[in-house]
Amino acid sequence: MRTVSSRLPCSRLGRTTRKDARTSSSVAPWRAGKTEGLHERRISVPPKAAGYWRSGHLEPIAHVSQQRIEQAGQLRKALRTALMVLFQNGPERANFKPADSSSSKRANPFLDSLEAEIDRDFFERLFEEIEMEGDAAQREVRARWLKDLRKRAEMVLTAAEAGSLPQSAITEPGCGPNGRLKARSSPRSATPIS
């Protein structure tokens, strides 16, 4: 494996069995003129996708991948808006500040968490769709993936909501940090258990 010192990844597709292939990519990401270390990822590539790759006909993979990236981006944008509203304590529409730096700083770790969740199995789920025969089967796989992404985003938002409420508002008095949680959908509606 070569170390990549440019902005372009180094990829190779190697055959591991008659049924699948494995690709390895190494990349040294750049930000503000500096590299952020070497990243490597190994991905099993199923037969149909490997055939596209070997033939150089990557349009089917690129098309599905681009759609999925756009859909994940839309979900990230929706989660960001929800987090910004949450961290601004559910302001009225006129008082909402979509670019509030304090709320953005609080939202970024949660958005990073969602991106890590998406990245964890992005290629496996992409290849699952590509390997399907027929539009209906591919749509079904995509719908399952989108439903799963939505659940992941909801889990991130729930974690953010739990972490954004004042301790005294979410625990039963006298129970310490492990008290029972009682919160509703917004910080304003959280009430202590009496």
N, C-alpha and C. Protein backbone atom coordinates (compact mmCIF):
# COMPACT_ATOMS: atom_id res chain seq x y z
N MET A 1 0.84 -1.18 0.00
CA MET A 1 0.00 0.00 0.00
C MET A 1 0.88 1.23 0.00
N ARG A 2 0.58 2.17 -0.87
CA ARG A 2 1.34 3.41 -0.94
C ARG A 2 0.75 4.44 0.00
N THR A 3 1.60 5.29 0.52
CA THR A 3 1.15 6.42 1.30
C THR A 3 0.85 7.54 0.33
N VAL A 4 -0.31 8.13 0.48
CA VAL A 4 -0.72 9.18 -0.44
C VAL A 4 -0.44 10.52 0.22
N SER A 5 0.27 11.35 -0.47
CA SER A 5 0.58 12.66 0.09
C SER A 5 -0.09 13.76 -0.71
N SER A 6 -1.01 13.39 -1.56
CA SER A 6 -1.74 14.39 -2.31
C SER A 6 -3.20 14.38 -1.86
N ARG A 7 -4.02 15.19 -2.49
CA ARG A 7 -5.43 15.24 -2.12
C ARG A 7 -6.24 14.12 -2.76
N LEU A 8 -5.64 13.33 -3.62
CA LEU A 8 -6.36 12.27 -4.30
C LEU A 8 -6.08 10.93 -3.64
N PRO A 9 -7.12 10.10 -3.46
CA PRO A 9 -6.90 8.81 -2.83
C PRO A 9 -6.20 7.83 -3.77
N CYS A 10 -5.50 6.90 -3.18
CA CYS A 10 -4.87 5.82 -3.92
C CYS A 10 -5.72 4.58 -3.70
N SER A 11 -6.27 4.02 -4.75
CA SER A 11 -7.12 2.85 -4.60
C SER A 11 -6.62 1.73 -5.49
N ARG A 12 -6.86 0.53 -5.02
CA ARG A 12 -6.59 -0.62 -5.86
C ARG A 12 -7.65 -1.66 -5.56
N LEU A 13 -7.97 -2.43 -6.56
CA LEU A 13 -8.96 -3.47 -6.39
C LEU A 13 -8.24 -4.79 -6.55
N GLY A 14 -8.26 -5.59 -5.51
CA GLY A 14 -7.59 -6.88 -5.56
C GLY A 14 -8.59 -8.00 -5.41
N ARG A 15 -8.31 -9.12 -6.01
CA ARG A 15 -9.21 -10.26 -5.95
C ARG A 15 -8.86 -11.11 -4.72
N THR A 16 -9.87 -11.45 -3.92
CA THR A 16 -9.63 -12.28 -2.75
C THR A 16 -10.24 -13.67 -2.93
N THR A 17 -11.37 -13.76 -3.61
CA THR A 17 -11.98 -15.05 -3.92
C THR A 17 -12.66 -14.91 -5.28
N ARG A 18 -13.25 -15.99 -5.76
CA ARG A 18 -13.96 -15.91 -7.03
C ARG A 18 -15.25 -15.10 -6.88
N LYS A 19 -15.76 -14.99 -5.67
CA LYS A 19 -17.06 -14.35 -5.48
C LYS A 19 -16.98 -12.87 -5.12
N ASP A 20 -15.90 -12.44 -4.53
CA ASP A 20 -15.84 -11.03 -4.14
C ASP A 20 -14.43 -10.50 -4.35
N ALA A 21 -14.30 -9.22 -4.15
CA ALA A 21 -13.01 -8.54 -4.26
C ALA A 21 -12.89 -7.63 -3.06
N ARG A 22 -11.72 -7.12 -2.85
CA ARG A 22 -11.49 -6.20 -1.74
C ARG A 22 -10.74 -5.00 -2.31
N THR A 23 -11.14 -3.83 -1.87
CA THR A 23 -10.43 -2.62 -2.27
C THR A 23 -9.82 -1.99 -1.03
N SER A 24 -8.67 -1.40 -1.23
CA SER A 24 -8.01 -0.66 -0.17
C SER A 24 -7.77 0.75 -0.68
N SER A 25 -8.04 1.71 0.14
CA SER A 25 -7.77 3.10 -0.22
C SER A 25 -7.02 3.75 0.93
N SER A 26 -6.04 4.53 0.57
CA SER A 26 -5.32 5.32 1.55
C SER A 26 -5.41 6.77 1.11
N VAL A 27 -5.59 7.64 2.06
CA VAL A 27 -5.69 9.05 1.74
C VAL A 27 -5.13 9.86 2.90
N ALA A 28 -4.50 10.95 2.56
CA ALA A 28 -4.02 11.90 3.56
C ALA A 28 -4.83 13.18 3.37
N PRO A 29 -5.90 13.37 4.13
CA PRO A 29 -6.75 14.54 3.96
C PRO A 29 -6.01 15.84 4.29
N TRP A 30 -6.36 16.87 3.58
CA TRP A 30 -5.76 18.19 3.79
C TRP A 30 -6.79 19.13 4.38
N ARG A 31 -6.34 19.95 5.30
CA ARG A 31 -7.18 21.02 5.82
C ARG A 31 -6.24 22.16 6.21
N ALA A 32 -6.51 23.31 5.70
CA ALA A 32 -5.71 24.51 6.00
C ALA A 32 -4.23 24.28 5.71
N GLY A 33 -3.93 23.59 4.60
CA GLY A 33 -2.55 23.40 4.18
C GLY A 33 -1.78 22.34 4.92
N LYS A 34 -2.44 21.57 5.80
CA LYS A 34 -1.76 20.53 6.58
C LYS A 34 -2.50 19.22 6.39
N THR A 35 -1.74 18.12 6.47
CA THR A 35 -2.40 16.82 6.40
C THR A 35 -2.94 16.47 7.78
N GLU A 36 -3.96 15.64 7.79
CA GLU A 36 -4.57 15.19 9.04
C GLU A 36 -4.30 13.71 9.26
N GLY A 37 -3.13 13.26 8.85
CA GLY A 37 -2.76 11.87 9.04
C GLY A 37 -3.20 10.99 7.90
N LEU A 38 -2.72 9.79 7.89
CA LEU A 38 -3.05 8.82 6.86
C LEU A 38 -4.25 8.00 7.31
N HIS A 39 -5.24 7.92 6.45
CA HIS A 39 -6.43 7.12 6.71
C HIS A 39 -6.47 5.99 5.71
N GLU A 40 -6.79 4.80 6.16
CA GLU A 40 -6.92 3.66 5.27
C GLU A 40 -8.22 2.95 5.56
N ARG A 41 -8.85 2.47 4.50
CA ARG A 41 -10.09 1.74 4.65
C ARG A 41 -10.08 0.57 3.69
N ARG A 42 -10.50 -0.58 4.18
CA ARG A 42 -10.60 -1.78 3.35
C ARG A 42 -12.07 -2.14 3.25
N ILE A 43 -12.51 -2.38 2.02
CA ILE A 43 -13.92 -2.63 1.77
C ILE A 43 -14.05 -3.88 0.90
N SER A 44 -14.93 -4.78 1.31
CA SER A 44 -15.25 -5.92 0.47
C SER A 44 -16.21 -5.46 -0.63
N VAL A 45 -15.88 -5.80 -1.85
CA VAL A 45 -16.69 -5.39 -2.99
C VAL A 45 -17.34 -6.63 -3.58
N PRO A 46 -18.68 -6.67 -3.59
CA PRO A 46 -19.37 -7.85 -4.11
C PRO A 46 -19.20 -7.97 -5.63
N PRO A 47 -19.56 -9.13 -6.19
CA PRO A 47 -19.26 -9.42 -7.59
C PRO A 47 -19.76 -8.40 -8.62
N LYS A 48 -20.99 -7.99 -8.54
CA LYS A 48 -21.54 -7.07 -9.55
C LYS A 48 -20.79 -5.74 -9.51
N ALA A 49 -20.59 -5.20 -8.31
CA ALA A 49 -19.87 -3.93 -8.17
C ALA A 49 -18.42 -4.08 -8.61
N ALA A 50 -17.80 -5.22 -8.28
CA ALA A 50 -16.41 -5.47 -8.70
C ALA A 50 -16.31 -5.53 -10.21
N GLY A 51 -17.33 -6.08 -10.85
CA GLY A 51 -17.34 -6.13 -12.31
C GLY A 51 -17.39 -4.73 -12.92
N TYR A 52 -18.23 -3.85 -12.35
CA TYR A 52 -18.27 -2.46 -12.81
C TYR A 52 -16.89 -1.82 -12.65
N TRP A 53 -16.31 -2.05 -11.48
CA TRP A 53 -15.02 -1.44 -11.15
C TRP A 53 -13.94 -1.89 -12.14
N ARG A 54 -13.85 -3.19 -12.34
CA ARG A 54 -12.81 -3.74 -13.22
C ARG A 54 -12.98 -3.29 -14.67
N SER A 55 -14.24 -3.15 -15.10
CA SER A 55 -14.49 -2.76 -16.49
C SER A 55 -14.30 -1.26 -16.70
N GLY A 56 -14.21 -0.52 -15.61
CA GLY A 56 -14.09 0.93 -15.72
C GLY A 56 -15.43 1.61 -15.91
N HIS A 57 -16.52 0.84 -15.95
CA HIS A 57 -17.87 1.38 -16.10
C HIS A 57 -18.43 1.67 -14.70
N LEU A 58 -18.05 2.80 -14.15
CA LEU A 58 -18.39 3.14 -12.77
C LEU A 58 -19.66 3.96 -12.62
N GLU A 59 -20.29 4.32 -13.75
CA GLU A 59 -21.49 5.16 -13.70
C GLU A 59 -22.58 4.60 -12.78
N PRO A 60 -22.91 3.31 -12.84
CA PRO A 60 -23.96 2.81 -11.93
C PRO A 60 -23.60 2.99 -10.45
N ILE A 61 -22.36 2.74 -10.09
CA ILE A 61 -21.93 2.91 -8.70
C ILE A 61 -21.93 4.39 -8.34
N ALA A 62 -21.40 5.21 -9.22
CA ALA A 62 -21.32 6.65 -8.96
C ALA A 62 -22.70 7.26 -8.81
N HIS A 63 -23.64 6.84 -9.65
CA HIS A 63 -25.00 7.41 -9.61
C HIS A 63 -25.69 7.10 -8.28
N VAL A 64 -25.66 5.83 -7.89
CA VAL A 64 -26.31 5.43 -6.63
C VAL A 64 -25.60 6.07 -5.45
N SER A 65 -24.28 6.10 -5.51
CA SER A 65 -23.50 6.70 -4.42
C SER A 65 -23.83 8.18 -4.27
N GLN A 66 -23.89 8.89 -5.38
CA GLN A 66 -24.19 10.33 -5.33
C GLN A 66 -25.58 10.58 -4.75
N GLN A 67 -26.56 9.77 -5.15
CA GLN A 67 -27.91 9.93 -4.59
C GLN A 67 -27.90 9.72 -3.07
N ARG A 68 -27.19 8.70 -2.64
CA ARG A 68 -27.13 8.41 -1.21
C ARG A 68 -26.41 9.51 -0.44
N ILE A 69 -25.35 10.04 -1.01
CA ILE A 69 -24.63 11.14 -0.36
C ILE A 69 -25.54 12.35 -0.23
N GLU A 70 -26.31 12.65 -1.27
CA GLU A 70 -27.24 13.78 -1.22
C GLU A 70 -28.32 13.55 -0.17
N GLN A 71 -28.85 12.33 -0.10
CA GLN A 71 -29.88 12.04 0.89
C GLN A 71 -29.33 12.10 2.31
N ALA A 72 -28.13 11.60 2.52
CA ALA A 72 -27.51 11.69 3.83
C ALA A 72 -27.26 13.16 4.19
N GLY A 73 -26.88 13.96 3.20
CA GLY A 73 -26.68 15.39 3.42
C GLY A 73 -27.97 16.11 3.81
N GLN A 74 -29.07 15.72 3.19
CA GLN A 74 -30.37 16.30 3.54
C GLN A 74 -30.74 15.95 4.98
N LEU A 75 -30.48 14.71 5.36
CA LEU A 75 -30.76 14.29 6.73
C LEU A 75 -29.89 15.06 7.71
N ARG A 76 -28.61 15.22 7.38
CA ARG A 76 -27.69 15.97 8.25
C ARG A 76 -28.19 17.41 8.41
N LYS A 77 -28.65 18.00 7.32
CA LYS A 77 -29.15 19.39 7.37
C LYS A 77 -30.38 19.48 8.28
N ALA A 78 -31.29 18.50 8.16
CA ALA A 78 -32.48 18.50 9.01
C ALA A 78 -32.09 18.31 10.48
N LEU A 79 -31.14 17.41 10.74
CA LEU A 79 -30.68 17.21 12.12
C LEU A 79 -30.02 18.47 12.64
N ARG A 80 -29.23 19.14 11.83
CA ARG A 80 -28.58 20.38 12.26
C ARG A 80 -29.62 21.42 12.67
N THR A 81 -30.66 21.57 11.86
CA THR A 81 -31.71 22.53 12.19
C THR A 81 -32.37 22.16 13.52
N ALA A 82 -32.67 20.88 13.70
CA ALA A 82 -33.29 20.43 14.96
C ALA A 82 -32.36 20.69 16.15
N LEU A 83 -31.08 20.43 15.97
CA LEU A 83 -30.12 20.68 17.06
C LEU A 83 -30.01 22.17 17.36
N MET A 84 -30.00 22.98 16.33
CA MET A 84 -29.90 24.43 16.54
C MET A 84 -31.11 24.95 17.31
N VAL A 85 -32.30 24.46 16.96
CA VAL A 85 -33.51 24.84 17.69
C VAL A 85 -33.41 24.37 19.14
N LEU A 86 -32.97 23.14 19.32
CA LEU A 86 -32.83 22.59 20.67
C LEU A 86 -31.86 23.42 21.51
N PHE A 87 -30.70 23.72 20.95
CA PHE A 87 -29.69 24.43 21.72
C PHE A 87 -30.00 25.91 21.89
N GLN A 88 -31.00 26.40 21.18
CA GLN A 88 -31.47 27.77 21.40
C GLN A 88 -32.77 27.75 22.22
N ASN A 89 -33.03 26.63 22.86
CA ASN A 89 -34.19 26.45 23.75
C ASN A 89 -35.52 26.65 23.05
N GLY A 90 -35.62 26.14 21.84
CA GLY A 90 -36.89 26.16 21.12
C GLY A 90 -37.42 27.55 20.89
N PRO A 91 -36.63 28.43 20.29
CA PRO A 91 -37.08 29.81 20.11
C PRO A 91 -38.25 29.91 19.14
N GLU A 92 -38.97 31.00 19.26
CA GLU A 92 -40.01 31.29 18.27
C GLU A 92 -39.32 31.47 16.92
N ARG A 93 -40.05 31.26 15.86
CA ARG A 93 -39.48 31.33 14.51
C ARG A 93 -38.74 32.65 14.26
N ALA A 94 -39.28 33.76 14.73
CA ALA A 94 -38.66 35.06 14.50
C ALA A 94 -37.32 35.21 15.23
N ASN A 95 -37.12 34.46 16.32
CA ASN A 95 -35.90 34.57 17.12
C ASN A 95 -34.87 33.50 16.79
N PHE A 96 -35.20 32.57 15.90
CA PHE A 96 -34.28 31.49 15.56
C PHE A 96 -33.09 32.03 14.78
N LYS A 97 -31.89 31.61 15.20
CA LYS A 97 -30.65 32.05 14.55
C LYS A 97 -29.95 30.83 13.96
N PRO A 98 -30.14 30.53 12.66
CA PRO A 98 -29.55 29.33 12.07
C PRO A 98 -28.03 29.31 12.05
N ALA A 99 -27.40 30.47 12.20
CA ALA A 99 -25.93 30.54 12.16
C ALA A 99 -25.32 30.86 13.52
N ASP A 100 -26.08 30.71 14.59
CA ASP A 100 -25.59 31.01 15.93
C ASP A 100 -24.34 30.18 16.24
N SER A 101 -23.23 30.83 16.51
CA SER A 101 -21.95 30.12 16.68
C SER A 101 -21.93 29.24 17.93
N SER A 102 -22.54 29.67 18.99
CA SER A 102 -22.57 28.87 20.21
C SER A 102 -23.36 27.58 19.99
N SER A 103 -24.51 27.69 19.36
CA SER A 103 -25.32 26.51 19.07
C SER A 103 -24.62 25.61 18.07
N SER A 104 -23.93 26.20 17.10
CA SER A 104 -23.19 25.40 16.12
C SER A 104 -22.10 24.58 16.78
N LYS A 105 -21.39 25.19 17.72
CA LYS A 105 -20.32 24.47 18.43
C LYS A 105 -20.89 23.30 19.22
N ARG A 106 -22.05 23.49 19.79
CA ARG A 106 -22.68 22.40 20.54
C ARG A 106 -23.23 21.33 19.61
N ALA A 107 -23.70 21.73 18.43
CA ALA A 107 -24.29 20.78 17.49
C ALA A 107 -23.24 19.95 16.76
N ASN A 108 -22.06 20.51 16.51
CA ASN A 108 -21.06 19.83 15.69
C ASN A 108 -20.68 18.42 16.16
N PRO A 109 -20.46 18.18 17.45
CA PRO A 109 -20.13 16.81 17.85
C PRO A 109 -21.26 15.80 17.55
N PHE A 110 -22.49 16.26 17.66
CA PHE A 110 -23.62 15.39 17.36
C PHE A 110 -23.72 15.12 15.86
N LEU A 111 -23.44 16.14 15.05
CA LEU A 111 -23.43 15.95 13.60
C LEU A 111 -22.29 15.02 13.19
N ASP A 112 -21.14 15.18 13.84
CA ASP A 112 -20.02 14.28 13.58
C ASP A 112 -20.39 12.84 13.93
N SER A 113 -21.14 12.68 15.00
CA SER A 113 -21.59 11.36 15.41
C SER A 113 -22.49 10.72 14.35
N LEU A 114 -23.40 11.51 13.79
CA LEU A 114 -24.26 11.00 12.73
C LEU A 114 -23.43 10.62 11.51
N GLU A 115 -22.49 11.46 11.14
CA GLU A 115 -21.64 11.16 9.98
C GLU A 115 -20.84 9.88 10.19
N ALA A 116 -20.35 9.67 11.39
CA ALA A 116 -19.62 8.44 11.70
C ALA A 116 -20.54 7.22 11.59
N GLU A 117 -21.77 7.37 12.03
CA GLU A 117 -22.75 6.29 11.91
C GLU A 117 -23.04 5.98 10.45
N ILE A 118 -23.19 6.99 9.63
CA ILE A 118 -23.44 6.79 8.20
C ILE A 118 -22.24 6.13 7.54
N ASP A 119 -21.06 6.61 7.88
CA ASP A 119 -19.83 6.10 7.27
C ASP A 119 -19.55 4.65 7.66
N ARG A 120 -19.97 4.27 8.85
CA ARG A 120 -19.67 2.93 9.38
C ARG A 120 -20.06 1.83 8.40
N ASP A 121 -21.20 1.95 7.75
CA ASP A 121 -21.63 0.89 6.83
C ASP A 121 -22.11 1.43 5.48
N PHE A 122 -21.65 2.61 5.12
CA PHE A 122 -22.09 3.24 3.87
C PHE A 122 -21.85 2.33 2.67
N PHE A 123 -20.64 1.82 2.52
CA PHE A 123 -20.32 1.03 1.33
C PHE A 123 -21.04 -0.31 1.32
N GLU A 124 -21.15 -0.95 2.46
CA GLU A 124 -21.86 -2.22 2.51
C GLU A 124 -23.31 -2.04 2.08
N ARG A 125 -23.95 -0.98 2.57
CA ARG A 125 -25.35 -0.71 2.22
C ARG A 125 -25.47 -0.26 0.77
N LEU A 126 -24.49 0.50 0.27
CA LEU A 126 -24.47 0.91 -1.14
C LEU A 126 -24.39 -0.32 -2.03
N PHE A 127 -23.46 -1.21 -1.73
CA PHE A 127 -23.27 -2.40 -2.55
C PHE A 127 -24.47 -3.34 -2.46
N GLU A 128 -25.14 -3.35 -1.31
CA GLU A 128 -26.36 -4.16 -1.18
C GLU A 128 -27.38 -3.72 -2.23
N GLU A 129 -27.54 -2.41 -2.39
CA GLU A 129 -28.48 -1.89 -3.38
C GLU A 129 -28.01 -2.20 -4.80
N ILE A 130 -26.75 -2.02 -5.08
CA ILE A 130 -26.22 -2.25 -6.42
C ILE A 130 -26.36 -3.72 -6.82
N GLU A 131 -26.21 -4.62 -5.87
CA GLU A 131 -26.27 -6.05 -6.17
C GLU A 131 -27.69 -6.54 -6.45
N MET A 132 -28.70 -5.76 -6.05
CA MET A 132 -30.09 -6.18 -6.26
C MET A 132 -30.44 -6.15 -7.74
N GLU A 133 -31.25 -7.10 -8.15
CA GLU A 133 -31.74 -7.16 -9.53
C GLU A 133 -33.13 -6.52 -9.56
N GLY A 134 -33.32 -5.55 -10.43
CA GLY A 134 -34.62 -4.93 -10.60
C GLY A 134 -34.79 -3.67 -9.79
N ASP A 135 -35.54 -2.74 -10.36
CA ASP A 135 -35.77 -1.44 -9.72
C ASP A 135 -36.53 -1.57 -8.40
N ALA A 136 -37.53 -2.45 -8.36
CA ALA A 136 -38.33 -2.58 -7.13
C ALA A 136 -37.47 -3.05 -5.97
N ALA A 137 -36.62 -4.02 -6.21
CA ALA A 137 -35.74 -4.52 -5.15
C ALA A 137 -34.75 -3.45 -4.70
N GLN A 138 -34.24 -2.69 -5.65
CA GLN A 138 -33.31 -1.61 -5.31
C GLN A 138 -34.01 -0.52 -4.51
N ARG A 139 -35.25 -0.18 -4.90
CA ARG A 139 -36.00 0.83 -4.14
C ARG A 139 -36.28 0.36 -2.72
N GLU A 140 -36.56 -0.92 -2.56
CA GLU A 140 -36.82 -1.47 -1.23
C GLU A 140 -35.57 -1.39 -0.34
N VAL A 141 -34.42 -1.70 -0.91
CA VAL A 141 -33.16 -1.61 -0.16
C VAL A 141 -32.88 -0.16 0.22
N ARG A 142 -33.11 0.76 -0.71
CA ARG A 142 -32.90 2.19 -0.43
C ARG A 142 -33.84 2.66 0.66
N ALA A 143 -35.10 2.26 0.59
CA ALA A 143 -36.08 2.68 1.60
C ALA A 143 -35.67 2.19 2.99
N ARG A 144 -35.18 0.94 3.08
CA ARG A 144 -34.71 0.42 4.37
C ARG A 144 -33.54 1.24 4.89
N TRP A 145 -32.62 1.60 3.99
CA TRP A 145 -31.45 2.39 4.38
C TRP A 145 -31.89 3.76 4.89
N LEU A 146 -32.82 4.40 4.18
CA LEU A 146 -33.29 5.73 4.60
C LEU A 146 -34.01 5.65 5.95
N LYS A 147 -34.79 4.60 6.15
CA LYS A 147 -35.48 4.43 7.43
C LYS A 147 -34.46 4.25 8.55
N ASP A 148 -33.41 3.47 8.28
CA ASP A 148 -32.35 3.27 9.26
C ASP A 148 -31.62 4.58 9.56
N LEU A 149 -31.34 5.36 8.51
CA LEU A 149 -30.68 6.66 8.74
C LEU A 149 -31.54 7.57 9.61
N ARG A 150 -32.83 7.56 9.35
CA ARG A 150 -33.73 8.39 10.15
C ARG A 150 -33.68 7.98 11.62
N LYS A 151 -33.68 6.67 11.87
CA LYS A 151 -33.60 6.18 13.26
C LYS A 151 -32.29 6.62 13.90
N ARG A 152 -31.20 6.55 13.14
CA ARG A 152 -29.90 6.97 13.67
C ARG A 152 -29.92 8.45 14.01
N ALA A 153 -30.50 9.27 13.15
CA ALA A 153 -30.59 10.71 13.42
C ALA A 153 -31.46 10.98 14.64
N GLU A 154 -32.55 10.24 14.78
CA GLU A 154 -33.42 10.41 15.94
C GLU A 154 -32.68 10.04 17.22
N MET A 155 -31.86 9.01 17.18
CA MET A 155 -31.08 8.62 18.35
C MET A 155 -30.07 9.72 18.71
N VAL A 156 -29.45 10.31 17.71
CA VAL A 156 -28.50 11.40 17.97
C VAL A 156 -29.23 12.59 18.59
N LEU A 157 -30.39 12.92 18.05
CA LEU A 157 -31.17 14.05 18.58
C LEU A 157 -31.62 13.76 20.02
N THR A 158 -32.03 12.54 20.29
CA THR A 158 -32.42 12.16 21.65
C THR A 158 -31.25 12.31 22.61
N ALA A 159 -30.07 11.87 22.17
CA ALA A 159 -28.88 12.01 23.02
C ALA A 159 -28.56 13.48 23.25
N ALA A 160 -28.70 14.30 22.22
CA ALA A 160 -28.44 15.73 22.37
C ALA A 160 -29.45 16.37 23.32
N GLU A 161 -30.69 15.96 23.18
CA GLU A 161 -31.74 16.51 24.04
C GLU A 161 -31.49 16.15 25.50
N ALA A 162 -31.15 14.93 25.75
CA ALA A 162 -30.89 14.49 27.13
C ALA A 162 -29.69 15.24 27.70
N GLY A 163 -28.68 15.47 26.88
CA GLY A 163 -27.49 16.17 27.34
C GLY A 163 -27.65 17.67 27.44
N SER A 164 -28.71 18.21 26.84
CA SER A 164 -28.86 19.66 26.84
C SER A 164 -29.74 20.17 27.97
N LEU A 165 -30.45 19.27 28.65
CA LEU A 165 -31.34 19.70 29.71
C LEU A 165 -30.57 19.90 31.00
N PRO A 166 -30.93 20.89 31.80
CA PRO A 166 -30.28 21.06 33.10
C PRO A 166 -30.51 19.82 33.96
N GLN A 167 -29.51 19.41 34.71
CA GLN A 167 -29.60 18.21 35.54
C GLN A 167 -30.80 18.27 36.47
N SER A 168 -31.05 19.43 37.08
CA SER A 168 -32.15 19.54 38.02
C SER A 168 -33.51 19.37 37.36
N ALA A 169 -33.59 19.59 36.06
CA ALA A 169 -34.87 19.49 35.37
C ALA A 169 -35.17 18.07 34.90
N ILE A 170 -34.19 17.18 34.93
CA ILE A 170 -34.43 15.86 34.36
C ILE A 170 -34.32 14.72 35.36
N THR A 171 -33.96 14.98 36.58
CA THR A 171 -33.83 13.88 37.53
C THR A 171 -34.75 14.08 38.72
N GLU A 172 -35.09 12.98 39.31
CA GLU A 172 -35.93 13.03 40.50
C GLU A 172 -35.11 13.60 41.64
N PRO A 173 -35.64 14.54 42.40
CA PRO A 173 -34.89 15.14 43.49
C PRO A 173 -34.38 14.07 44.47
N GLY A 174 -33.12 14.23 44.91
CA GLY A 174 -32.54 13.32 45.87
C GLY A 174 -31.96 12.05 45.28
N CYS A 175 -32.05 11.88 43.97
CA CYS A 175 -31.55 10.64 43.36
C CYS A 175 -30.15 10.79 42.80
N GLY A 176 -29.57 11.97 42.86
CA GLY A 176 -28.22 12.16 42.34
C GLY A 176 -28.17 12.05 40.83
N PRO A 177 -26.98 11.83 40.28
CA PRO A 177 -26.82 11.82 38.83
C PRO A 177 -27.51 10.65 38.14
N ASN A 178 -27.88 9.62 38.89
CA ASN A 178 -28.55 8.47 38.27
C ASN A 178 -30.05 8.48 38.49
N GLY A 179 -30.60 9.65 38.77
CA GLY A 179 -32.04 9.77 38.99
C GLY A 179 -32.82 9.43 37.74
N ARG A 180 -34.14 9.24 37.90
CA ARG A 180 -34.98 8.88 36.76
C ARG A 180 -35.20 10.09 35.86
N LEU A 181 -35.13 9.86 34.57
CA LEU A 181 -35.33 10.90 33.58
C LEU A 181 -36.81 11.13 33.35
N LYS A 182 -37.20 12.38 33.33
CA LYS A 182 -38.55 12.73 32.93
C LYS A 182 -38.44 14.01 32.13
N ALA A 183 -38.47 13.86 30.82
CA ALA A 183 -38.40 15.01 29.95
C ALA A 183 -39.31 14.78 28.76
N ARG A 184 -39.80 15.85 28.22
CA ARG A 184 -40.63 15.76 27.02
C ARG A 184 -39.81 16.21 25.84
N SER A 185 -40.47 16.66 24.78
CA SER A 185 -39.77 16.90 23.52
C SER A 185 -38.99 18.19 23.44
N SER A 186 -39.11 19.09 24.38
CA SER A 186 -38.31 20.31 24.30
C SER A 186 -37.83 20.68 25.71
N PRO A 187 -36.71 21.41 25.78
CA PRO A 187 -36.19 21.78 27.09
C PRO A 187 -37.20 22.56 27.93
N ARG A 188 -38.05 23.37 27.31
CA ARG A 188 -39.01 24.16 28.06
C ARG A 188 -40.04 23.29 28.76
N SER A 189 -40.31 22.10 28.21
CA SER A 189 -41.36 21.28 28.79
C SER A 189 -40.83 20.28 29.80
N ALA A 190 -39.54 20.28 30.05
CA ALA A 190 -38.98 19.35 31.04
C ALA A 190 -39.43 19.76 32.43
N THR A 191 -39.90 18.80 33.19
CA THR A 191 -40.34 19.10 34.54
C THR A 191 -39.76 18.09 35.50
N PRO A 192 -39.42 18.53 36.71
CA PRO A 192 -38.92 17.57 37.69
C PRO A 192 -40.04 16.65 38.14
N ILE A 193 -39.68 15.46 38.54
CA ILE A 193 -40.67 14.50 39.05
C ILE A 193 -40.97 14.90 40.48
N SER A 194 -42.26 15.03 40.79
CA SER A 194 -42.61 15.42 42.16
C SER A 194 -43.27 14.32 42.90
